[in-house]
């Protein structure tokens, strides 16, 4: 005699094989699921600080000196002239110079020698980078000697016009060559003989 149990009866009722597939519960009805929020945008990149460009200096100081040679019939002159100048925007270069000059004139009777001291103001204008036009005004004091006799010293002024070129040879170092002609006539400049100058200097 078989006594059914609730378990056995349930198993038989469900199919008699003892297996039972449980139905999954459905989710309760409700509002639709909220979509995921979009990813947060990164904060804006702050602008880079402006870097001040180094300002180009107005100009440059130049310190140098020159050696001058002048030739004419029976006349020779040799001089030295240290100078200081300031070049603006690589175009205009005013400056000041002092000088000493030795001059010898082989006169027909007896030669004459001069020892001359002077100072000048000059302006160089560079139409292109290396070539310049020169305008120079000078005041000189000179004394001569002939045949053992010394003559009183005299003071003269003059205007010199010319030009030349500058060549850089190293960092800040340059060589300049110029040719200038005196415009006015006086006992110190009896003729318009050319004066050739070669000098060197350093630009800061």
Protein backbone atom coordinates (compact mmCIF):
# COMPACT_ATOMS: atom_id res chain seq x y z
CA UNK A 1 0.00 0.00 0.00
CA UNK A 2 1.41 3.40 -0.95
CA UNK A 3 0.82 6.48 1.03
CA UNK A 4 1.26 9.52 -1.16
CA UNK A 5 3.05 12.37 0.26
CA UNK A 6 2.62 15.98 -0.65
CA UNK A 7 6.06 16.03 -2.14
CA UNK A 8 5.50 12.95 -4.21
CA UNK A 9 2.11 14.02 -5.33
CA UNK A 10 3.43 17.37 -6.33
CA UNK A 11 6.15 15.75 -8.28
CA UNK A 12 3.74 13.48 -10.02
CA UNK A 13 1.36 16.32 -10.67
CA UNK A 14 4.07 18.34 -12.27
CA UNK A 15 4.97 15.67 -14.66
CA UNK A 16 5.80 12.66 -12.73
CA UNK A 17 9.57 12.99 -13.41
CA UNK A 18 10.39 14.95 -10.28
CA UNK A 19 11.57 18.04 -12.17
CA UNK A 20 9.97 21.44 -11.90
CA UNK A 21 10.87 24.59 -13.91
CA UNK A 22 10.27 27.63 -11.81
CA UNK A 23 9.11 30.76 -13.67
CA UNK A 24 11.24 33.82 -13.04
CA UNK A 25 9.35 36.65 -11.47
CA UNK A 26 8.75 39.60 -13.75
CA UNK A 27 9.99 42.96 -12.55
CA UNK A 28 7.32 45.11 -11.16
CA UNK A 29 5.91 47.65 -13.52
CA UNK A 30 7.43 51.07 -13.17
CA UNK A 31 8.92 54.03 -15.02
CA UNK A 32 11.45 53.39 -17.80
CA UNK A 33 15.05 53.14 -16.65
CA UNK A 34 16.89 56.45 -16.67
CA UNK A 35 19.74 56.42 -19.24
CA UNK A 36 23.27 56.86 -17.98
CA UNK A 37 24.30 60.53 -17.82
CA UNK A 38 26.90 61.64 -20.43
CA UNK A 39 30.48 61.74 -19.20
CA UNK A 40 31.45 65.00 -17.62
CA UNK A 41 33.35 67.32 -19.95
CA UNK A 42 36.92 68.06 -18.83
CA UNK A 43 37.46 71.59 -17.58
CA UNK A 44 38.72 74.00 -20.25
CA UNK A 45 42.48 74.27 -20.51
CA UNK A 46 43.59 77.65 -19.21
CA UNK A 47 45.36 79.78 -21.86
CA UNK A 48 49.12 79.74 -21.75
CA UNK A 49 50.61 82.90 -20.32
CA UNK A 50 51.92 85.23 -22.97
CA UNK A 51 55.67 85.33 -23.05
CA UNK A 52 56.98 88.82 -23.55
CA UNK A 53 59.24 88.93 -26.55
CA UNK A 54 62.58 90.51 -25.80
CA UNK A 55 62.52 94.04 -27.06
CA UNK A 56 65.12 94.93 -29.60
CA UNK A 57 67.37 97.62 -28.17
CA UNK A 58 67.16 101.04 -29.71
CA UNK A 59 70.80 100.83 -30.72
CA UNK A 60 74.26 99.72 -29.81
CA UNK A 61 77.30 101.44 -28.37
CA UNK A 62 80.47 101.20 -30.44
CA UNK A 63 84.00 101.90 -29.25
CA UNK A 64 86.93 101.85 -31.62
CA UNK A 65 89.71 103.73 -33.25
CA UNK A 66 91.23 104.46 -36.58
CA UNK A 67 94.51 104.98 -38.33
CA UNK A 68 94.54 107.63 -41.02
CA UNK A 69 96.83 108.02 -44.01
CA UNK A 70 96.78 110.91 -46.44
CA UNK A 71 98.86 111.50 -49.54
CA UNK A 72 99.33 114.34 -51.98
CA UNK A 73 102.20 115.75 -53.99
CA UNK A 74 105.12 116.15 -51.52
CA UNK A 75 102.70 115.74 -48.58
CA UNK A 76 102.10 112.87 -46.21
CA UNK A 77 99.95 112.68 -43.10
CA UNK A 78 99.53 109.93 -40.52
CA UNK A 79 97.04 110.02 -37.67
CA UNK A 80 95.30 108.06 -34.95
CA UNK A 81 91.75 108.76 -33.82
CA UNK A 82 89.94 106.89 -31.04
CA UNK A 83 86.18 107.29 -31.22
CA UNK A 84 82.89 106.44 -29.54
CA UNK A 85 79.58 106.18 -31.38
CA UNK A 86 76.03 104.89 -31.00
CA UNK A 87 74.21 103.29 -33.90
CA UNK A 88 70.41 103.63 -33.95
CA UNK A 89 68.42 100.85 -35.62
CA UNK A 90 71.50 99.96 -37.67
CA UNK A 91 70.91 103.02 -39.84
CA UNK A 92 72.19 106.23 -38.23
CA UNK A 93 75.40 106.34 -36.21
CA UNK A 94 76.44 109.64 -34.57
CA UNK A 95 79.70 109.76 -32.69
CA UNK A 96 82.63 111.75 -31.37
CA UNK A 97 86.32 111.35 -32.09
CA UNK A 98 89.61 112.80 -30.94
CA UNK A 99 92.82 112.58 -32.89
CA UNK A 100 96.48 113.24 -33.24
CA UNK A 101 98.05 113.73 -36.66
CA UNK A 102 101.59 114.06 -37.88
CA UNK A 103 102.04 115.84 -41.20
CA UNK A 104 105.13 116.43 -43.28
CA UNK A 105 105.34 118.70 -46.30
CA UNK A 106 108.49 118.33 -48.38
CA UNK A 107 108.70 121.95 -49.42
CA UNK A 108 111.23 122.93 -52.09
CA UNK A 109 113.49 124.76 -49.63
CA UNK A 110 113.00 123.08 -46.27
CA UNK A 111 110.44 120.51 -45.17
CA UNK A 112 107.73 121.52 -42.74
CA UNK A 113 106.25 119.28 -40.07
CA UNK A 114 103.01 119.70 -38.12
CA UNK A 115 101.78 118.15 -34.89
CA UNK A 116 98.03 118.41 -34.83
CA UNK A 117 95.40 117.70 -32.17
CA UNK A 118 91.71 117.81 -32.80
CA UNK A 119 88.22 116.57 -32.14
CA UNK A 120 85.25 115.97 -34.39
CA UNK A 121 81.59 115.10 -34.50
CA UNK A 122 80.49 112.71 -37.21
CA UNK A 123 77.43 110.92 -38.52
CA UNK A 124 77.44 107.73 -40.53
CA UNK A 125 74.31 106.79 -42.47
CA UNK A 126 73.93 103.19 -43.64
CA UNK A 127 71.72 102.94 -46.76
CA UNK A 128 72.50 99.22 -46.68
CA UNK A 129 73.93 97.08 -43.91
CA UNK A 130 77.68 97.42 -44.56
CA UNK A 131 78.07 100.59 -46.63
CA UNK A 132 77.86 104.06 -45.10
CA UNK A 133 77.93 107.71 -46.04
CA UNK A 134 80.02 109.94 -43.76
CA UNK A 135 79.62 113.57 -42.76
CA UNK A 136 82.16 114.92 -40.26
CA UNK A 137 82.85 118.33 -38.80
CA UNK A 138 86.13 118.88 -37.02
CA UNK A 139 88.12 121.48 -35.12
CA UNK A 140 91.90 121.15 -35.04
CA UNK A 141 94.80 122.89 -33.36
CA UNK A 142 98.09 122.63 -35.16
CA UNK A 143 101.60 123.95 -34.90
CA UNK A 144 104.41 123.71 -37.44
CA UNK A 145 108.16 123.65 -37.44
CA UNK A 146 110.49 124.49 -40.31
CA UNK A 147 114.28 124.65 -40.26
CA UNK A 148 114.40 124.59 -36.48
CA UNK A 149 111.90 127.45 -36.15
CA UNK A 150 108.57 126.83 -34.39
CA UNK A 151 105.60 128.82 -35.58
CA UNK A 152 102.59 129.80 -33.44
CA UNK A 153 99.85 127.20 -33.18
CA UNK A 154 96.64 127.86 -35.09
CA UNK A 155 93.06 126.57 -34.87
CA UNK A 156 91.02 125.61 -37.95
CA UNK A 157 87.70 124.02 -38.70
CA UNK A 158 86.63 121.93 -41.65
CA UNK A 159 83.92 119.76 -43.12
CA UNK A 160 84.77 116.27 -44.35
CA UNK A 161 82.58 114.23 -46.68
CA UNK A 162 83.03 110.64 -47.73
CA UNK A 163 81.97 107.07 -47.21
CA UNK A 164 83.17 103.58 -46.48
CA UNK A 165 82.21 100.10 -45.41
CA UNK A 166 82.13 98.01 -42.23
CA UNK A 167 82.88 94.28 -42.03
CA UNK A 168 82.20 92.09 -38.99
CA UNK A 169 85.10 89.77 -38.19
CA UNK A 170 83.93 88.20 -34.89
CA UNK A 171 81.16 88.50 -32.31
CA UNK A 172 80.87 92.26 -31.77
CA UNK A 173 84.20 93.01 -33.51
CA UNK A 174 84.24 94.98 -36.74
CA UNK A 175 86.69 96.61 -39.14
CA UNK A 176 85.84 99.87 -40.91
CA UNK A 177 87.48 101.55 -43.88
CA UNK A 178 86.60 105.03 -45.06
CA UNK A 179 87.66 107.68 -47.52
CA UNK A 180 86.87 111.34 -46.88
CA UNK A 181 87.70 114.62 -48.57
CA UNK A 182 88.00 118.05 -46.89
CA UNK A 183 85.58 120.57 -48.33
CA UNK A 184 87.10 123.83 -47.04
CA UNK A 185 90.51 125.23 -47.95
CA UNK A 186 92.85 126.55 -45.27
CA UNK A 187 96.57 126.36 -44.48
CA UNK A 188 96.11 122.93 -42.91
CA UNK A 189 94.06 121.60 -45.83
CA UNK A 190 95.55 123.41 -48.82
CA UNK A 191 94.14 120.89 -51.30
CA UNK A 192 91.27 118.44 -51.43
CA UNK A 193 93.50 115.40 -51.04
CA UNK A 194 91.69 112.24 -49.91
CA UNK A 195 92.12 110.86 -46.39
CA UNK A 196 91.97 107.09 -46.09
CA UNK A 197 91.15 105.66 -42.66
CA UNK A 198 91.24 102.07 -41.45
CA UNK A 199 89.98 101.26 -37.99
CA UNK A 200 88.54 98.57 -35.79
CA UNK A 201 86.13 98.52 -32.90
CA UNK A 202 83.75 96.61 -30.71
CA UNK A 203 79.98 96.91 -30.56
CA UNK A 204 78.13 96.27 -27.29
